[in-house]
Amino acid sequence: MDIFYSISVFGLAMMLAHGATNTKMNDLKREGNSQLMTELVFDKGSKDLSVDARTQLHQMLADAERQGGIGEVTIIAWGDEDAPTTSGKKLDQEQREIADSRSYEIRSYIESNTIKTNTQTFNMAEQPNALEKFMHTSPNVKLKESLESAGLVHPPKVGAPPKASHALVLVTLR
């Protein structure tokens, strides 16, 4: 993960934390011609993409193709509970699995509707392990720290809406 990517993710996270709509975010990103993003909402306990989520993904992928093609896709998925605010606590296995399942469903939809792309997934229900935190070089740690700085790891603490049962999908353009 390069510094430009980290800055872009942080900028997107800041817009989300301050209540920007998908339309506003995409307008801002189009000006820089670097990324498109959509936020998907899941029913509690479900990994399945709703009709609305499929429509959002389809529109974003079509926009990316019109703007030069898909370079890379990043999927950031949450379980049905927000991350614990206490250090050392973690969500149960079921929450980690549902976030993974949501990432898989999104990735499968994208790959079945476009050419195979470089896709990274991040599970927000999982804590980085001790080695990742110590080395501080893992994309997992860098992304989660950027999102935490923007208030998206514990959104209610900064007055932002919770991200439980949500996923963010970012497309970096070629």
C-alpha atoms as a PDB file:
ATOM      1  CA  MET A   1       0.000   0.000   0.000  1.00  0.00           C
ATOM      2  CA  ASP A   2       1.644   3.214  -1.078  1.00  0.00           C
ATOM      3  CA  ILE A   3       1.369   6.632   0.572  1.00  0.00           C
ATOM      4  CA  PHE A   4      -1.000   7.996  -2.118  1.00  0.00           C
ATOM      5  CA  TYR A   5      -3.382   5.110  -1.504  1.00  0.00           C
ATOM      6  CA  SER A   6      -3.286   5.649   2.281  1.00  0.00           C
ATOM      7  CA  ILE A   7      -4.017   9.346   1.832  1.00  0.00           C
ATOM      8  CA  SER A   8      -6.893   8.565  -0.559  1.00  0.00           C
ATOM      9  CA  VAL A   9      -8.433   6.067   1.861  1.00  0.00           C
ATOM     10  CA  PHE A  10      -8.051   8.554   4.706  1.00  0.00           C
ATOM     11  CA  GLY A  11      -9.734  11.285   2.636  1.00  0.00           C
ATOM     12  CA  LEU A  12     -12.642   8.997   1.809  1.00  0.00           C
ATOM     13  CA  ALA A  13     -12.926   7.993   5.437  1.00  0.00           C
ATOM     14  CA  MET A  14     -13.038  11.637   6.505  1.00  0.00           C
ATOM     15  CA  MET A  15     -15.863  12.341   4.057  1.00  0.00           C
ATOM     16  CA  LEU A  16     -17.822   9.382   5.421  1.00  0.00           C
ATOM     17  CA  ALA A  17     -17.217  10.430   9.002  1.00  0.00           C
ATOM     18  CA  HIS A  18     -18.606  13.868   8.232  1.00  0.00           C
ATOM     19  CA  GLY A  19     -21.762  12.564   6.600  1.00  0.00           C
ATOM     20  CA  ALA A  20     -21.001  13.058   2.912  1.00  0.00           C
ATOM     21  CA  THR A  21     -23.387  11.218   0.630  1.00  0.00           C
ATOM     22  CA  ASN A  22     -22.184   8.749  -2.003  1.00  0.00           C
ATOM     23  CA  THR A  23     -23.068  11.328  -4.674  1.00  0.00           C
ATOM     24  CA  LYS A  24     -20.979  14.042  -3.003  1.00  0.00           C
ATOM     25  CA  MET A  25     -18.060  11.669  -2.502  1.00  0.00           C
ATOM     26  CA  ASN A  26     -18.117  10.451  -6.086  1.00  0.00           C
ATOM     27  CA  ASP A  27     -18.324  14.047  -7.365  1.00  0.00           C
ATOM     28  CA  LEU A  28     -15.258  14.960  -5.310  1.00  0.00           C
ATOM     29  CA  LYS A  29     -13.354  11.859  -6.410  1.00  0.00           C
ATOM     30  CA  ARG A  30     -14.225  12.391 -10.067  1.00  0.00           C
ATOM     31  CA  GLU A  31     -12.535  15.790  -9.889  1.00  0.00           C
ATOM     32  CA  GLY A  32      -9.300  14.045  -8.871  1.00  0.00           C
ATOM     33  CA  ASN A  33     -10.053  11.128 -11.225  1.00  0.00           C
ATOM     34  CA  SER A  34      -8.568   8.633  -8.788  1.00  0.00           C
ATOM     35  CA  GLN A  35     -11.240   6.649  -6.988  1.00  0.00           C
ATOM     36  CA  LEU A  36     -14.885   5.727  -6.867  1.00  0.00           C
ATOM     37  CA  MET A  37     -16.581   4.467  -3.751  1.00  0.00           C
ATOM     38  CA  THR A  38     -19.892   3.111  -2.588  1.00  0.00           C
ATOM     39  CA  GLU A  39     -21.202   2.120   0.823  1.00  0.00           C
ATOM     40  CA  LEU A  40     -23.341  -1.003   0.992  1.00  0.00           C
ATOM     41  CA  VAL A  41     -25.796  -1.893   3.756  1.00  0.00           C
ATOM     42  CA  PHE A  42     -26.518  -5.498   4.733  1.00  0.00           C
ATOM     43  CA  ASP A  43     -29.442  -6.950   6.640  1.00  0.00           C
ATOM     44  CA  LYS A  44     -28.366  -8.084  10.079  1.00  0.00           C
ATOM     45  CA  GLY A  45     -27.011 -11.633   9.903  1.00  0.00           C
ATOM     46  CA  SER A  46     -26.956 -11.639   6.097  1.00  0.00           C
ATOM     47  CA  LYS A  47     -24.051 -11.855   3.691  1.00  0.00           C
ATOM     48  CA  ASP A  48     -26.292 -11.557   0.634  1.00  0.00           C
ATOM     49  CA  LEU A  49     -26.181  -8.473  -1.557  1.00  0.00           C
ATOM     50  CA  SER A  50     -29.534  -6.710  -1.739  1.00  0.00           C
ATOM     51  CA  VAL A  51     -30.968  -5.518  -5.047  1.00  0.00           C
ATOM     52  CA  ASP A  52     -29.938  -1.985  -4.043  1.00  0.00           C
ATOM     53  CA  ALA A  53     -26.364  -3.102  -3.256  1.00  0.00           C
ATOM     54  CA  ARG A  54     -26.089  -4.878  -6.623  1.00  0.00           C
ATOM     55  CA  THR A  55     -27.365  -1.748  -8.358  1.00  0.00           C
ATOM     56  CA  GLN A  56     -24.816   0.420  -6.524  1.00  0.00           C
ATOM     57  CA  LEU A  57     -21.973  -1.928  -7.442  1.00  0.00           C
ATOM     58  CA  HIS A  58     -23.114  -2.187 -11.059  1.00  0.00           C
ATOM     59  CA  GLN A  59     -23.266   1.615 -11.368  1.00  0.00           C
ATOM     60  CA  MET A  60     -19.845   2.085  -9.782  1.00  0.00           C
ATOM     61  CA  LEU A  61     -18.252  -0.545 -12.052  1.00  0.00           C
ATOM     62  CA  ALA A  62     -19.859   1.052 -15.126  1.00  0.00           C
ATOM     63  CA  ASP A  63     -18.591   4.483 -14.032  1.00  0.00           C
ATOM     64  CA  ALA A  64     -15.091   3.045 -13.572  1.00  0.00           C
ATOM     65  CA  GLU A  65     -15.114   1.536 -17.071  1.00  0.00           C
ATOM     66  CA  ARG A  66     -16.245   4.859 -18.579  1.00  0.00           C
ATOM     67  CA  GLN A  67     -13.447   6.664 -16.741  1.00  0.00           C
ATOM     68  CA  GLY A  68     -10.602   4.470 -17.941  1.00  0.00           C
ATOM     69  CA  GLY A  69     -11.048   1.111 -16.261  1.00  0.00           C
ATOM     70  CA  ILE A  70     -10.564  -0.543 -12.920  1.00  0.00           C
ATOM     71  CA  GLY A  71      -7.062  -0.524 -11.478  1.00  0.00           C
ATOM     72  CA  GLU A  72      -7.669  -2.012  -8.038  1.00  0.00           C
ATOM     73  CA  VAL A  73     -10.624  -2.779  -5.778  1.00  0.00           C
ATOM     74  CA  THR A  74     -10.611  -2.466  -1.990  1.00  0.00           C
ATOM     75  CA  ILE A  75     -13.405  -3.978   0.083  1.00  0.00           C
ATOM     76  CA  ILE A  76     -13.771  -3.015   3.740  1.00  0.00           C
ATOM     77  CA  ALA A  77     -16.464  -5.030   5.532  1.00  0.00           C
ATOM     78  CA  TRP A  78     -17.930  -4.891   9.018  1.00  0.00           C
ATOM     79  CA  GLY A  79     -19.855  -7.549  10.947  1.00  0.00           C
ATOM     80  CA  ASP A  80     -23.157  -6.785  12.663  1.00  0.00           C
ATOM     81  CA  GLU A  81     -21.474  -5.236  15.696  1.00  0.00           C
ATOM     82  CA  ASP A  82     -19.091  -2.299  15.876  1.00  0.00           C
ATOM     83  CA  ALA A  83     -15.534  -3.020  16.978  1.00  0.00           C
ATOM     84  CA  PRO A  84     -15.033  -2.986  20.752  1.00  0.00           C
ATOM     85  CA  THR A  85     -13.759   0.321  22.096  1.00  0.00           C
ATOM     86  CA  THR A  86     -11.681  -1.404  24.780  1.00  0.00           C
ATOM     87  CA  SER A  87      -8.158  -2.382  23.768  1.00  0.00           C
ATOM     88  CA  GLY A  88      -7.583  -6.122  23.891  1.00  0.00           C
ATOM     89  CA  LYS A  89     -11.244  -7.032  23.392  1.00  0.00           C
ATOM     90  CA  LYS A  90     -12.376  -8.546  20.128  1.00  0.00           C
ATOM     91  CA  LEU A  91     -15.567  -9.546  18.410  1.00  0.00           C
ATOM     92  CA  ASP A  92     -16.621 -13.186  18.412  1.00  0.00           C
ATOM     93  CA  GLN A  93     -15.871 -15.611  15.571  1.00  0.00           C
ATOM     94  CA  GLU A  94     -19.385 -15.255  14.116  1.00  0.00           C
ATOM     95  CA  GLN A  95     -18.867 -11.513  13.564  1.00  0.00           C
ATOM     96  CA  ARG A  96     -15.485 -12.079  11.901  1.00  0.00           C
ATOM     97  CA  GLU A  97     -16.971 -14.762   9.647  1.00  0.00           C
ATOM     98  CA  ILE A  98     -19.916 -12.624   8.534  1.00  0.00           C
ATOM     99  CA  ALA A  99     -17.589  -9.759   7.606  1.00  0.00           C
ATOM    100  CA  ASP A 100     -15.442 -12.219   5.597  1.00  0.00           C
ATOM    101  CA  SER A 101     -18.556 -13.632   3.914  1.00  0.00           C
ATOM    102  CA  ARG A 102     -19.707 -10.144   2.935  1.00  0.00           C
ATOM    103  CA  SER A 103     -16.305  -9.379   1.411  1.00  0.00           C
ATOM    104  CA  TYR A 104     -16.443 -12.667  -0.503  1.00  0.00           C
ATOM    105  CA  GLU A 105     -19.936 -11.922  -1.862  1.00  0.00           C
ATOM    106  CA  ILE A 106     -18.890  -8.450  -3.006  1.00  0.00           C
ATOM    107  CA  ARG A 107     -15.696  -9.763  -4.577  1.00  0.00           C
ATOM    108  CA  SER A 108     -17.613 -12.547  -6.361  1.00  0.00           C
ATOM    109  CA  TYR A 109     -20.142 -10.051  -7.731  1.00  0.00           C
ATOM    110  CA  ILE A 110     -17.386  -7.741  -8.989  1.00  0.00           C
ATOM    111  CA  GLU A 111     -15.424 -10.575 -10.599  1.00  0.00           C
ATOM    112  CA  SER A 112     -18.529 -11.987 -12.277  1.00  0.00           C
ATOM    113  CA  ASN A 113     -19.368  -8.558 -13.746  1.00  0.00           C
ATOM    114  CA  THR A 114     -15.902  -7.351 -14.792  1.00  0.00           C
ATOM    115  CA  ILE A 115     -12.551  -8.742 -15.711  1.00  0.00           C
ATOM    116  CA  LYS A 116     -10.605 -10.253 -12.824  1.00  0.00           C
ATOM    117  CA  THR A 117      -9.041  -7.397 -10.856  1.00  0.00           C
ATOM    118  CA  ASN A 118      -6.510  -6.918  -8.097  1.00  0.00           C
ATOM    119  CA  THR A 119      -8.761  -6.953  -5.021  1.00  0.00           C
ATOM    120  CA  GLN A 120      -7.838  -6.372  -1.391  1.00  0.00           C
ATOM    121  CA  THR A 121     -10.260  -7.165   1.426  1.00  0.00           C
ATOM    122  CA  PHE A 122     -10.195  -5.865   4.984  1.00  0.00           C
ATOM    123  CA  ASN A 123     -12.257  -7.353   7.790  1.00  0.00           C
ATOM    124  CA  MET A 124     -13.140  -4.648  10.315  1.00  0.00           C
ATOM    125  CA  ALA A 125     -14.381  -7.280  12.775  1.00  0.00           C
ATOM    126  CA  GLU A 126     -10.797  -8.529  13.180  1.00  0.00           C
ATOM    127  CA  GLN A 127      -8.081  -6.840  15.180  1.00  0.00           C
ATOM    128  CA  PRO A 128      -4.572  -6.698  13.703  1.00  0.00           C
ATOM    129  CA  ASN A 129      -2.333  -9.266  15.378  1.00  0.00           C
ATOM    130  CA  ALA A 130       0.527  -8.296  17.704  1.00  0.00           C
ATOM    131  CA  LEU A 131       3.210  -8.718  15.017  1.00  0.00           C
ATOM    132  CA  GLU A 132       1.314  -6.503  12.563  1.00  0.00           C
ATOM    133  CA  LYS A 133       0.910  -3.813  15.218  1.00  0.00           C
ATOM    134  CA  PHE A 134       4.574  -4.038  16.232  1.00  0.00           C
ATOM    135  CA  MET A 135       5.996  -3.968  12.685  1.00  0.00           C
ATOM    136  CA  HIS A 136       3.520  -1.296  11.591  1.00  0.00           C
ATOM    137  CA  THR A 137       4.073  -2.155   7.929  1.00  0.00           C
ATOM    138  CA  SER A 138       0.975  -4.249   7.254  1.00  0.00           C
ATOM    139  CA  PRO A 139      -1.673  -2.756   4.915  1.00  0.00           C
ATOM    140  CA  ASN A 140      -4.197  -4.082   7.455  1.00  0.00           C
ATOM    141  CA  VAL A 141      -2.750  -1.920  10.248  1.00  0.00           C
ATOM    142  CA  LYS A 142      -2.282   1.164   8.045  1.00  0.00           C
ATOM    143  CA  LEU A 143      -5.824   1.053   6.691  1.00  0.00           C
ATOM    144  CA  LYS A 144      -7.400   0.477  10.090  1.00  0.00           C
ATOM    145  CA  GLU A 145      -5.366   3.300  11.620  1.00  0.00           C
ATOM    146  CA  SER A 146      -6.491   5.641   8.814  1.00  0.00           C
ATOM    147  CA  LEU A 147     -10.100   4.644   9.371  1.00  0.00           C
ATOM    148  CA  GLU A 148      -9.707   5.017  13.125  1.00  0.00           C
ATOM    149  CA  SER A 149      -8.253   8.519  12.692  1.00  0.00           C
ATOM    150  CA  ALA A 150     -11.340   9.400  10.670  1.00  0.00           C
ATOM    151  CA  GLY A 151     -13.650   7.984  13.319  1.00  0.00           C
ATOM    152  CA  LEU A 152     -14.860   5.016  11.290  1.00  0.00           C
ATOM    153  CA  VAL A 153     -13.626   2.260  13.580  1.00  0.00           C
ATOM    154  CA  HIS A 154     -15.693   3.629  16.488  1.00  0.00           C
ATOM    155  CA  PRO A 155     -18.054   6.017  14.675  1.00  0.00           C
ATOM    156  CA  PRO A 156     -20.502   6.706  17.519  1.00  0.00           C
ATOM    157  CA  LYS A 157     -17.603   8.135  19.575  1.00  0.00           C
ATOM    158  CA  VAL A 158     -17.250  10.961  17.026  1.00  0.00           C
ATOM    159  CA  GLY A 159     -20.945  11.379  16.290  1.00  0.00           C
ATOM    160  CA  ALA A 160     -20.888   9.465  13.009  1.00  0.00           C
ATOM    161  CA  PRO A 161     -23.400   6.741  12.185  1.00  0.00           C
ATOM    162  CA  PRO A 162     -22.332   3.178  13.080  1.00  0.00           C
ATOM    163  CA  LYS A 163     -20.746   1.063  10.347  1.00  0.00           C
ATOM    164  CA  ALA A 164     -22.001  -2.274  11.658  1.00  0.00           C
ATOM    165  CA  SER A 165     -23.650  -4.274   8.832  1.00  0.00           C
ATOM    166  CA  HIS A 166     -21.949  -2.060   6.208  1.00  0.00           C
ATOM    167  CA  ALA A 167     -19.193  -2.445   3.641  1.00  0.00           C
ATOM    168  CA  LEU A 168     -17.191   0.135   1.723  1.00  0.00           C
ATOM    169  CA  VAL A 169     -16.071  -0.666  -1.804  1.00  0.00           C
ATOM    170  CA  LEU A 170     -13.367   1.533  -3.333  1.00  0.00           C
ATOM    171  CA  VAL A 171     -12.281   1.325  -6.955  1.00  0.00           C
ATOM    172  CA  THR A 172      -8.980   2.896  -7.941  1.00  0.00           C
ATOM    173  CA  LEU A 173      -9.035   3.886 -11.597  1.00  0.00           C
ATOM    174  CA  ARG A 174      -6.299   3.034 -14.059  1.00  0.00           C
END
